[in-house]
Amino acid sequence: MKGRLRHLILGGAATLALSLAVAYLSAAPGWQSLPADMALLRVSFTHSGDRSASCRERTPEELAELPPNMRIAKVCDRRRPPIYVEIEIDGATVLAEELPARGIAGSGPSRIYQRFPLPAGRHDIAVRLRDRPATQGFDYVGETQVTLVPAQSFVIDFRPESGGFVFK
């Protein structure tokens, strides 16, 4: 009985010490992802390139060779084209990148997630996107002026159904 009591006391003390250590480490040491005078700009969205540029009309001869249930006049490539994104902060281009379509067959959407630590204060932000490879210029343009406070996280999203870029 005496040995069992000793084991219970030692086990309880070890459990208490471990619990106190975990509690201390959950609150300390303090960790900050950004310096105190910085804010964060995040660009995060998913968008598919327009593959209508790769579509073509089948000739009457091609249609005649197909079974009746497969006679679709317009045929498009399964692979999606890449999208091109540019981000400009305070007049300086910080990102100019072509984003490929994802997936095994390249038929999925293009994705972007970029973080830009910025000093707190006022910033002019311009974002441009081209999703049609045959066009010059940009299909979507968004511009905003934002005043960031320290530790703020400002997000740029893209929603074509809402007219393009969403700043929040």
N, C-alpha and C. Protein backbone atom coordinates (compact mmCIF):
# COMPACT_ATOMS: atom_id res chain seq x y z
N MET A 1 0.82 -1.20 0.00
CA MET A 1 0.00 0.00 0.00
C MET A 1 0.86 1.26 0.00
N LYS A 2 1.98 1.20 0.75
CA LYS A 2 2.85 2.35 0.85
C LYS A 2 3.46 2.68 -0.51
N GLY A 3 3.85 1.67 -1.31
CA GLY A 3 4.44 1.87 -2.65
C GLY A 3 3.42 2.46 -3.61
N ARG A 4 2.18 2.04 -3.48
CA ARG A 4 1.13 2.53 -4.37
C ARG A 4 0.86 4.01 -4.11
N LEU A 5 0.82 4.42 -2.86
CA LEU A 5 0.60 5.82 -2.50
C LEU A 5 1.73 6.69 -3.04
N ARG A 6 2.95 6.18 -2.93
CA ARG A 6 4.10 6.94 -3.45
C ARG A 6 3.98 7.12 -4.96
N HIS A 7 3.56 6.09 -5.70
CA HIS A 7 3.38 6.19 -7.14
C HIS A 7 2.28 7.18 -7.51
N LEU A 8 1.20 7.19 -6.76
CA LEU A 8 0.11 8.13 -7.01
C LEU A 8 0.56 9.58 -6.79
N ILE A 9 1.31 9.81 -5.75
CA ILE A 9 1.81 11.17 -5.46
C ILE A 9 2.78 11.62 -6.55
N LEU A 10 3.71 10.75 -6.93
CA LEU A 10 4.67 11.10 -7.99
C LEU A 10 3.97 11.31 -9.33
N GLY A 11 3.02 10.47 -9.65
CA GLY A 11 2.26 10.62 -10.90
C GLY A 11 1.47 11.92 -10.91
N GLY A 12 0.85 12.24 -9.76
CA GLY A 12 0.10 13.50 -9.66
C GLY A 12 1.00 14.71 -9.79
N ALA A 13 2.19 14.65 -9.17
CA ALA A 13 3.14 15.77 -9.26
C ALA A 13 3.65 15.94 -10.69
N ALA A 14 3.93 14.83 -11.38
CA ALA A 14 4.41 14.90 -12.76
C ALA A 14 3.31 15.46 -13.67
N THR A 15 2.07 15.04 -13.47
CA THR A 15 0.95 15.54 -14.26
C THR A 15 0.73 17.03 -14.02
N LEU A 16 0.81 17.46 -12.76
CA LEU A 16 0.66 18.87 -12.42
C LEU A 16 1.77 19.70 -13.05
N ALA A 17 3.02 19.22 -12.98
CA ALA A 17 4.16 19.95 -13.57
C ALA A 17 4.00 20.07 -15.08
N LEU A 18 3.57 19.00 -15.74
CA LEU A 18 3.36 19.03 -17.18
C LEU A 18 2.22 19.99 -17.54
N SER A 19 1.13 19.96 -16.79
CA SER A 19 0.00 20.87 -17.05
C SER A 19 0.40 22.32 -16.87
N LEU A 20 1.17 22.63 -15.84
CA LEU A 20 1.64 24.00 -15.62
C LEU A 20 2.59 24.45 -16.72
N ALA A 21 3.45 23.56 -17.19
CA ALA A 21 4.37 23.90 -18.28
C ALA A 21 3.60 24.19 -19.57
N VAL A 22 2.61 23.39 -19.87
CA VAL A 22 1.78 23.61 -21.07
C VAL A 22 1.02 24.93 -20.94
N ALA A 23 0.45 25.20 -19.79
CA ALA A 23 -0.28 26.45 -19.57
C ALA A 23 0.63 27.66 -19.74
N TYR A 24 1.84 27.59 -19.21
CA TYR A 24 2.79 28.70 -19.35
C TYR A 24 3.17 28.91 -20.82
N LEU A 25 3.49 27.84 -21.52
CA LEU A 25 3.93 27.96 -22.92
C LEU A 25 2.80 28.36 -23.86
N SER A 26 1.55 28.19 -23.45
CA SER A 26 0.44 28.63 -24.31
C SER A 26 0.29 30.14 -24.31
N ALA A 27 0.80 30.81 -23.27
CA ALA A 27 0.68 32.27 -23.19
C ALA A 27 2.02 32.98 -23.33
N ALA A 28 3.11 32.30 -23.11
CA ALA A 28 4.42 32.93 -23.17
C ALA A 28 5.38 31.95 -23.81
N PRO A 29 6.38 32.31 -24.44
CA PRO A 29 6.76 33.69 -24.73
C PRO A 29 5.83 34.29 -25.79
N GLY A 30 5.69 35.61 -25.74
CA GLY A 30 4.83 36.28 -26.70
C GLY A 30 5.39 36.19 -28.11
N TRP A 31 4.51 36.04 -29.10
CA TRP A 31 4.95 35.92 -30.48
C TRP A 31 4.12 36.86 -31.34
N GLN A 32 4.80 37.58 -32.22
CA GLN A 32 4.14 38.49 -33.15
C GLN A 32 4.56 38.11 -34.55
N SER A 33 3.59 38.02 -35.45
CA SER A 33 3.93 37.65 -36.82
C SER A 33 4.50 38.83 -37.60
N LEU A 34 4.23 40.04 -37.17
CA LEU A 34 4.73 41.25 -37.84
C LEU A 34 5.35 42.19 -36.82
N PRO A 35 6.29 43.01 -37.23
CA PRO A 35 6.78 44.05 -36.32
C PRO A 35 5.63 44.98 -35.92
N ALA A 36 5.80 45.68 -34.85
CA ALA A 36 4.71 46.48 -34.25
C ALA A 36 4.17 47.56 -35.17
N ASP A 37 4.98 48.11 -36.06
CA ASP A 37 4.53 49.22 -36.92
C ASP A 37 4.15 48.76 -38.32
N MET A 38 3.89 47.47 -38.51
CA MET A 38 3.60 46.93 -39.84
C MET A 38 2.17 46.42 -39.93
N ALA A 39 1.65 46.40 -41.17
CA ALA A 39 0.35 45.81 -41.49
C ALA A 39 0.58 44.78 -42.58
N LEU A 40 -0.45 44.04 -42.93
CA LEU A 40 -0.30 42.96 -43.89
C LEU A 40 -1.34 43.07 -44.99
N LEU A 41 -0.88 43.00 -46.24
CA LEU A 41 -1.77 42.95 -47.40
C LEU A 41 -1.74 41.51 -47.90
N ARG A 42 -2.92 40.91 -48.02
CA ARG A 42 -3.03 39.54 -48.52
C ARG A 42 -3.82 39.55 -49.81
N VAL A 43 -3.30 38.86 -50.81
CA VAL A 43 -3.99 38.68 -52.08
C VAL A 43 -4.27 37.19 -52.19
N SER A 44 -5.54 36.83 -52.20
CA SER A 44 -5.90 35.43 -52.20
C SER A 44 -7.18 35.21 -53.00
N PHE A 45 -7.06 34.47 -54.10
CA PHE A 45 -8.25 34.13 -54.87
C PHE A 45 -7.98 32.96 -55.80
N THR A 46 -9.06 32.42 -56.33
CA THR A 46 -9.04 31.33 -57.29
C THR A 46 -9.86 31.79 -58.48
N HIS A 47 -9.33 31.64 -59.68
CA HIS A 47 -10.05 32.05 -60.88
C HIS A 47 -9.60 31.20 -62.05
N SER A 48 -10.52 30.88 -62.93
CA SER A 48 -10.20 30.07 -64.11
C SER A 48 -10.01 30.96 -65.33
N GLY A 49 -9.01 30.62 -66.13
CA GLY A 49 -8.79 31.32 -67.39
C GLY A 49 -9.91 31.01 -68.37
N ASP A 50 -10.20 31.94 -69.26
CA ASP A 50 -11.26 31.77 -70.26
C ASP A 50 -10.72 30.93 -71.41
N ARG A 51 -11.28 29.75 -71.58
CA ARG A 51 -10.78 28.88 -72.64
C ARG A 51 -11.53 29.03 -73.95
N SER A 52 -12.38 30.03 -74.08
CA SER A 52 -13.11 30.23 -75.33
C SER A 52 -12.19 30.58 -76.49
N ALA A 53 -10.98 31.09 -76.21
CA ALA A 53 -10.03 31.42 -77.28
C ALA A 53 -9.53 30.17 -77.99
N SER A 54 -9.58 29.03 -77.31
CA SER A 54 -9.10 27.78 -77.92
C SER A 54 -10.23 27.01 -78.60
N CYS A 55 -11.44 27.55 -78.63
CA CYS A 55 -12.56 26.86 -79.26
C CYS A 55 -12.51 27.04 -80.77
N ARG A 56 -13.03 26.03 -81.47
CA ARG A 56 -13.12 26.13 -82.93
C ARG A 56 -14.40 25.43 -83.39
N GLU A 57 -14.83 25.80 -84.57
CA GLU A 57 -16.01 25.17 -85.18
C GLU A 57 -15.55 23.94 -85.96
N ARG A 58 -16.28 22.85 -85.82
CA ARG A 58 -15.97 21.65 -86.60
C ARG A 58 -16.49 21.82 -88.03
N THR A 59 -15.78 21.23 -88.94
CA THR A 59 -16.19 21.30 -90.35
C THR A 59 -17.35 20.32 -90.56
N PRO A 60 -18.13 20.52 -91.61
CA PRO A 60 -19.22 19.57 -91.90
C PRO A 60 -18.72 18.13 -92.09
N GLU A 61 -17.52 17.98 -92.62
CA GLU A 61 -16.96 16.64 -92.80
C GLU A 61 -16.66 15.98 -91.44
N GLU A 62 -16.11 16.76 -90.51
CA GLU A 62 -15.83 16.23 -89.17
C GLU A 62 -17.12 15.83 -88.47
N LEU A 63 -18.16 16.66 -88.61
CA LEU A 63 -19.44 16.35 -87.98
C LEU A 63 -20.06 15.09 -88.56
N ALA A 64 -19.93 14.89 -89.88
CA ALA A 64 -20.52 13.71 -90.52
C ALA A 64 -19.85 12.42 -90.05
N GLU A 65 -18.58 12.48 -89.69
CA GLU A 65 -17.87 11.28 -89.23
C GLU A 65 -18.24 10.87 -87.81
N LEU A 66 -18.84 11.78 -87.06
CA LEU A 66 -19.18 11.50 -85.66
C LEU A 66 -20.55 10.85 -85.55
N PRO A 67 -20.76 10.05 -84.49
CA PRO A 67 -22.10 9.52 -84.24
C PRO A 67 -23.07 10.68 -83.97
N PRO A 68 -24.35 10.50 -84.28
CA PRO A 68 -25.31 11.61 -84.13
C PRO A 68 -25.37 12.22 -82.73
N ASN A 69 -25.16 11.41 -81.70
CA ASN A 69 -25.25 11.94 -80.34
C ASN A 69 -24.01 12.75 -79.93
N MET A 70 -22.96 12.76 -80.76
CA MET A 70 -21.73 13.48 -80.44
C MET A 70 -21.48 14.65 -81.39
N ARG A 71 -22.46 15.03 -82.17
CA ARG A 71 -22.28 16.07 -83.17
C ARG A 71 -22.47 17.46 -82.56
N ILE A 72 -21.43 17.90 -81.90
CA ILE A 72 -21.42 19.26 -81.33
C ILE A 72 -20.55 20.10 -82.25
N ALA A 73 -21.11 21.21 -82.72
CA ALA A 73 -20.42 22.02 -83.72
C ALA A 73 -19.16 22.69 -83.17
N LYS A 74 -19.20 23.12 -81.92
CA LYS A 74 -18.06 23.83 -81.34
C LYS A 74 -17.31 22.90 -80.40
N VAL A 75 -16.00 22.84 -80.56
CA VAL A 75 -15.17 22.01 -79.70
C VAL A 75 -14.10 22.90 -79.06
N CYS A 76 -13.88 22.69 -77.75
CA CYS A 76 -12.91 23.49 -77.00
C CYS A 76 -11.87 22.58 -76.36
N ASP A 77 -10.66 23.10 -76.22
CA ASP A 77 -9.59 22.39 -75.56
C ASP A 77 -9.93 22.26 -74.07
N ARG A 78 -9.59 21.13 -73.48
CA ARG A 78 -9.88 20.92 -72.05
C ARG A 78 -8.99 21.78 -71.17
N ARG A 79 -7.74 21.97 -71.59
CA ARG A 79 -6.77 22.73 -70.81
C ARG A 79 -7.17 24.20 -70.76
N ARG A 80 -7.08 24.78 -69.58
CA ARG A 80 -7.38 26.21 -69.41
C ARG A 80 -6.10 27.02 -69.58
N PRO A 81 -6.25 28.22 -70.12
CA PRO A 81 -5.05 29.07 -70.25
C PRO A 81 -4.67 29.65 -68.88
N PRO A 82 -3.42 30.06 -68.72
CA PRO A 82 -3.02 30.70 -67.46
C PRO A 82 -3.64 32.10 -67.36
N ILE A 83 -3.71 32.60 -66.13
CA ILE A 83 -4.13 33.99 -65.94
C ILE A 83 -2.88 34.81 -65.60
N TYR A 84 -2.95 36.10 -65.89
CA TYR A 84 -1.83 36.98 -65.62
C TYR A 84 -2.28 38.01 -64.60
N VAL A 85 -1.51 38.17 -63.51
CA VAL A 85 -1.87 39.08 -62.43
C VAL A 85 -0.73 40.06 -62.19
N GLU A 86 -1.08 41.33 -62.03
CA GLU A 86 -0.13 42.36 -61.65
C GLU A 86 -0.64 43.07 -60.41
N ILE A 87 0.26 43.33 -59.47
CA ILE A 87 -0.09 44.08 -58.26
C ILE A 87 0.91 45.22 -58.14
N GLU A 88 0.35 46.39 -57.93
CA GLU A 88 1.17 47.60 -57.79
C GLU A 88 0.83 48.26 -56.47
N ILE A 89 1.85 48.55 -55.67
CA ILE A 89 1.66 49.23 -54.39
C ILE A 89 2.47 50.51 -54.41
N ASP A 90 1.79 51.62 -54.23
CA ASP A 90 2.42 52.95 -54.22
C ASP A 90 3.27 53.19 -55.48
N GLY A 91 2.76 52.76 -56.63
CA GLY A 91 3.43 53.01 -57.90
C GLY A 91 4.51 52.00 -58.26
N ALA A 92 4.84 51.08 -57.38
CA ALA A 92 5.87 50.08 -57.66
C ALA A 92 5.21 48.71 -57.88
N THR A 93 5.59 48.05 -58.96
CA THR A 93 5.06 46.72 -59.25
C THR A 93 5.73 45.70 -58.32
N VAL A 94 4.92 45.06 -57.48
CA VAL A 94 5.45 44.08 -56.52
C VAL A 94 5.20 42.64 -56.98
N LEU A 95 4.29 42.48 -57.95
CA LEU A 95 4.03 41.14 -58.48
C LEU A 95 3.57 41.28 -59.92
N ALA A 96 4.17 40.52 -60.80
CA ALA A 96 3.74 40.41 -62.19
C ALA A 96 3.97 38.96 -62.56
N GLU A 97 2.91 38.17 -62.51
CA GLU A 97 3.08 36.73 -62.62
C GLU A 97 1.98 36.08 -63.44
N GLU A 98 2.39 35.09 -64.22
CA GLU A 98 1.45 34.27 -64.95
C GLU A 98 1.18 33.03 -64.11
N LEU A 99 -0.08 32.79 -63.80
CA LEU A 99 -0.46 31.68 -62.92
C LEU A 99 -1.06 30.56 -63.75
N PRO A 100 -0.42 29.40 -63.79
CA PRO A 100 -0.94 28.29 -64.61
C PRO A 100 -2.19 27.68 -64.00
N ALA A 101 -2.97 27.04 -64.87
CA ALA A 101 -4.15 26.30 -64.41
C ALA A 101 -3.67 25.08 -63.63
N ARG A 102 -4.40 24.71 -62.60
CA ARG A 102 -4.03 23.57 -61.75
C ARG A 102 -4.73 22.30 -62.23
N GLY A 103 -4.32 21.20 -61.67
CA GLY A 103 -4.94 19.93 -61.98
C GLY A 103 -4.09 19.10 -62.92
N ILE A 104 -4.36 17.82 -62.98
CA ILE A 104 -3.59 16.90 -63.81
C ILE A 104 -3.69 17.27 -65.29
N ALA A 105 -4.89 17.61 -65.73
CA ALA A 105 -5.09 17.95 -67.14
C ALA A 105 -4.98 19.45 -67.38
N GLY A 106 -4.66 20.22 -66.36
CA GLY A 106 -4.60 21.67 -66.53
C GLY A 106 -5.97 22.28 -66.74
N SER A 107 -7.00 21.64 -66.23
CA SER A 107 -8.36 22.11 -66.44
C SER A 107 -8.95 22.79 -65.20
N GLY A 108 -8.18 22.88 -64.14
CA GLY A 108 -8.66 23.50 -62.91
C GLY A 108 -8.38 24.99 -62.89
N PRO A 109 -8.81 25.64 -61.84
CA PRO A 109 -8.59 27.09 -61.74
C PRO A 109 -7.16 27.43 -61.34
N SER A 110 -6.76 28.64 -61.62
CA SER A 110 -5.47 29.16 -61.17
C SER A 110 -5.67 29.72 -59.77
N ARG A 111 -4.63 29.61 -58.94
CA ARG A 111 -4.74 30.07 -57.56
C ARG A 111 -3.57 30.99 -57.22
N ILE A 112 -3.87 31.96 -56.34
CA ILE A 112 -2.81 32.83 -55.84
C ILE A 112 -3.05 33.10 -54.36
N TYR A 113 -1.96 33.10 -53.62
CA TYR A 113 -1.96 33.55 -52.22
C TYR A 113 -0.62 34.22 -52.00
N GLN A 114 -0.62 35.52 -51.83
CA GLN A 114 0.59 36.29 -51.60
C GLN A 114 0.38 37.20 -50.39
N ARG A 115 1.42 37.35 -49.61
CA ARG A 115 1.42 38.24 -48.44
C ARG A 115 2.44 39.35 -48.68
N PHE A 116 2.04 40.57 -48.39
CA PHE A 116 2.93 41.71 -48.52
C PHE A 116 2.91 42.51 -47.22
N PRO A 117 3.94 42.40 -46.39
CA PRO A 117 4.02 43.24 -45.19
C PRO A 117 4.26 44.69 -45.63
N LEU A 118 3.47 45.61 -45.09
CA LEU A 118 3.57 47.03 -45.45
C LEU A 118 3.65 47.86 -44.18
N PRO A 119 4.35 48.98 -44.24
CA PRO A 119 4.33 49.88 -43.09
C PRO A 119 2.93 50.46 -42.90
N ALA A 120 2.53 50.63 -41.68
CA ALA A 120 1.22 51.22 -41.40
C ALA A 120 1.17 52.60 -42.04
N GLY A 121 -0.01 52.97 -42.52
CA GLY A 121 -0.17 54.27 -43.17
C GLY A 121 -0.97 54.14 -44.45
N ARG A 122 -0.90 55.19 -45.25
CA ARG A 122 -1.70 55.27 -46.46
C ARG A 122 -0.97 54.64 -47.65
N HIS A 123 -1.71 53.84 -48.45
CA HIS A 123 -1.12 53.16 -49.60
C HIS A 123 -2.11 53.17 -50.77
N ASP A 124 -1.56 53.35 -51.97
CA ASP A 124 -2.34 53.21 -53.21
C ASP A 124 -2.08 51.82 -53.76
N ILE A 125 -3.15 51.07 -53.97
CA ILE A 125 -3.03 49.69 -54.42
C ILE A 125 -3.78 49.53 -55.73
N ALA A 126 -3.13 48.93 -56.73
CA ALA A 126 -3.76 48.62 -58.01
C ALA A 126 -3.52 47.15 -58.32
N VAL A 127 -4.59 46.46 -58.72
CA VAL A 127 -4.51 45.05 -59.07
C VAL A 127 -5.13 44.88 -60.45
N ARG A 128 -4.43 44.14 -61.30
CA ARG A 128 -4.90 43.92 -62.67
C ARG A 128 -4.84 42.44 -62.99
N LEU A 129 -5.82 41.97 -63.79
CA LEU A 129 -5.90 40.55 -64.13
C LEU A 129 -6.30 40.40 -65.59
N ARG A 130 -5.64 39.47 -66.27
CA ARG A 130 -6.02 39.11 -67.65
C ARG A 130 -6.30 37.61 -67.64
N ASP A 131 -7.52 37.22 -68.02
CA ASP A 131 -7.86 35.80 -68.05
C ASP A 131 -8.12 35.28 -69.46
N ARG A 132 -7.97 36.14 -70.46
CA ARG A 132 -8.11 35.72 -71.85
C ARG A 132 -6.76 35.89 -72.55
N PRO A 133 -6.17 34.81 -73.01
CA PRO A 133 -4.83 34.93 -73.60
C PRO A 133 -4.79 35.73 -74.90
N ALA A 134 -5.88 35.85 -75.58
CA ALA A 134 -5.89 36.53 -76.88
C ALA A 134 -5.99 38.05 -76.76
N THR A 135 -6.24 38.57 -75.58
CA THR A 135 -6.44 40.01 -75.42
C THR A 135 -5.17 40.71 -74.98
N GLN A 136 -5.11 41.98 -75.28
CA GLN A 136 -4.04 42.85 -74.79
C GLN A 136 -4.63 43.67 -73.64
N GLY A 137 -3.79 44.16 -72.78
CA GLY A 137 -4.30 44.91 -71.63
C GLY A 137 -4.83 43.96 -70.59
N PHE A 138 -5.82 44.44 -69.83
CA PHE A 138 -6.35 43.65 -68.73
C PHE A 138 -7.87 43.58 -68.81
N ASP A 139 -8.39 42.42 -68.39
CA ASP A 139 -9.84 42.22 -68.39
C ASP A 139 -10.48 42.77 -67.12
N TYR A 140 -9.73 42.80 -66.03
CA TYR A 140 -10.23 43.32 -64.76
C TYR A 140 -9.16 44.20 -64.13
N VAL A 141 -9.59 45.35 -63.64
CA VAL A 141 -8.69 46.29 -62.96
C VAL A 141 -9.38 46.76 -61.69
N GLY A 142 -8.64 46.77 -60.60
CA GLY A 142 -9.16 47.28 -59.34
C GLY A 142 -8.13 48.20 -58.70
N GLU A 143 -8.59 49.34 -58.21
CA GLU A 143 -7.71 50.29 -57.54
C GLU A 143 -8.37 50.78 -56.27
N THR A 144 -7.56 50.99 -55.26
CA THR A 144 -8.08 51.53 -54.02
C THR A 144 -6.97 52.26 -53.29
N GLN A 145 -7.40 53.13 -52.41
CA GLN A 145 -6.46 53.81 -51.52
C GLN A 145 -6.89 53.43 -50.11
N VAL A 146 -5.95 52.92 -49.33
CA VAL A 146 -6.29 52.40 -48.01
C VAL A 146 -5.30 52.95 -46.98
N THR A 147 -5.83 53.19 -45.79
CA THR A 147 -4.98 53.59 -44.66
C THR A 147 -4.93 52.41 -43.70
N LEU A 148 -3.77 51.81 -43.59
CA LEU A 148 -3.59 50.63 -42.76
C LEU A 148 -3.10 51.03 -41.37
N VAL A 149 -3.63 50.36 -40.37
CA VAL A 149 -3.18 50.57 -38.99
C VAL A 149 -2.26 49.41 -38.62
N PRO A 150 -1.40 49.58 -37.63
CA PRO A 150 -0.51 48.49 -37.25
C PRO A 150 -1.28 47.20 -36.93
N ALA A 151 -0.73 46.08 -37.39
CA ALA A 151 -1.27 44.72 -37.18
C ALA A 151 -2.55 44.45 -37.97
N GLN A 152 -2.97 45.36 -38.85
CA GLN A 152 -4.17 45.14 -39.66
C GLN A 152 -3.85 44.16 -40.79
N SER A 153 -4.83 43.33 -41.13
CA SER A 153 -4.72 42.43 -42.27
C SER A 153 -5.76 42.86 -43.29
N PHE A 154 -5.29 43.36 -44.43
CA PHE A 154 -6.16 43.84 -45.50
C PHE A 154 -6.14 42.80 -46.62
N VAL A 155 -7.32 42.40 -47.11
CA VAL A 155 -7.42 41.30 -48.06
C VAL A 155 -7.95 41.79 -49.40
N ILE A 156 -7.35 41.29 -50.48
CA ILE A 156 -7.86 41.51 -51.83
C ILE A 156 -8.34 40.17 -52.34
N ASP A 157 -9.61 40.13 -52.71
CA ASP A 157 -10.24 38.92 -53.24
C ASP A 157 -10.67 39.22 -54.67
N PHE A 158 -11.09 38.20 -55.40
CA PHE A 158 -11.56 38.39 -56.76
C PHE A 158 -12.84 37.61 -56.95
N ARG A 159 -13.89 38.31 -57.38
CA ARG A 159 -15.18 37.69 -57.63
C ARG A 159 -15.75 38.27 -58.92
N PRO A 160 -15.66 37.53 -60.02
CA PRO A 160 -16.13 38.06 -61.30
C PRO A 160 -17.63 38.39 -61.28
N GLU A 161 -18.42 37.64 -60.51
CA GLU A 161 -19.85 37.90 -60.44
C GLU A 161 -20.16 39.22 -59.73
N SER A 162 -19.20 39.73 -58.94
CA SER A 162 -19.36 41.01 -58.26
C SER A 162 -18.68 42.15 -59.01
N GLY A 163 -18.16 41.85 -60.19
CA GLY A 163 -17.54 42.89 -61.00
C GLY A 163 -16.03 42.90 -60.96
N GLY A 164 -15.41 41.99 -60.22
CA GLY A 164 -13.95 41.94 -60.22
C GLY A 164 -13.36 41.87 -58.84
N PHE A 165 -12.44 42.77 -58.56
CA PHE A 165 -11.71 42.73 -57.29
C PHE A 165 -12.54 43.28 -56.14
N VAL A 166 -12.39 42.62 -54.99
CA VAL A 166 -13.08 43.01 -53.78
C VAL A 166 -12.01 43.33 -52.73
N PHE A 167 -12.06 44.54 -52.18
CA PHE A 167 -11.09 44.97 -51.18
C PHE A 167 -11.77 44.98 -49.82
N LYS A 168 -11.20 44.24 -48.85
CA LYS A 168 -11.81 44.20 -47.52
C LYS A 168 -10.78 44.07 -46.44
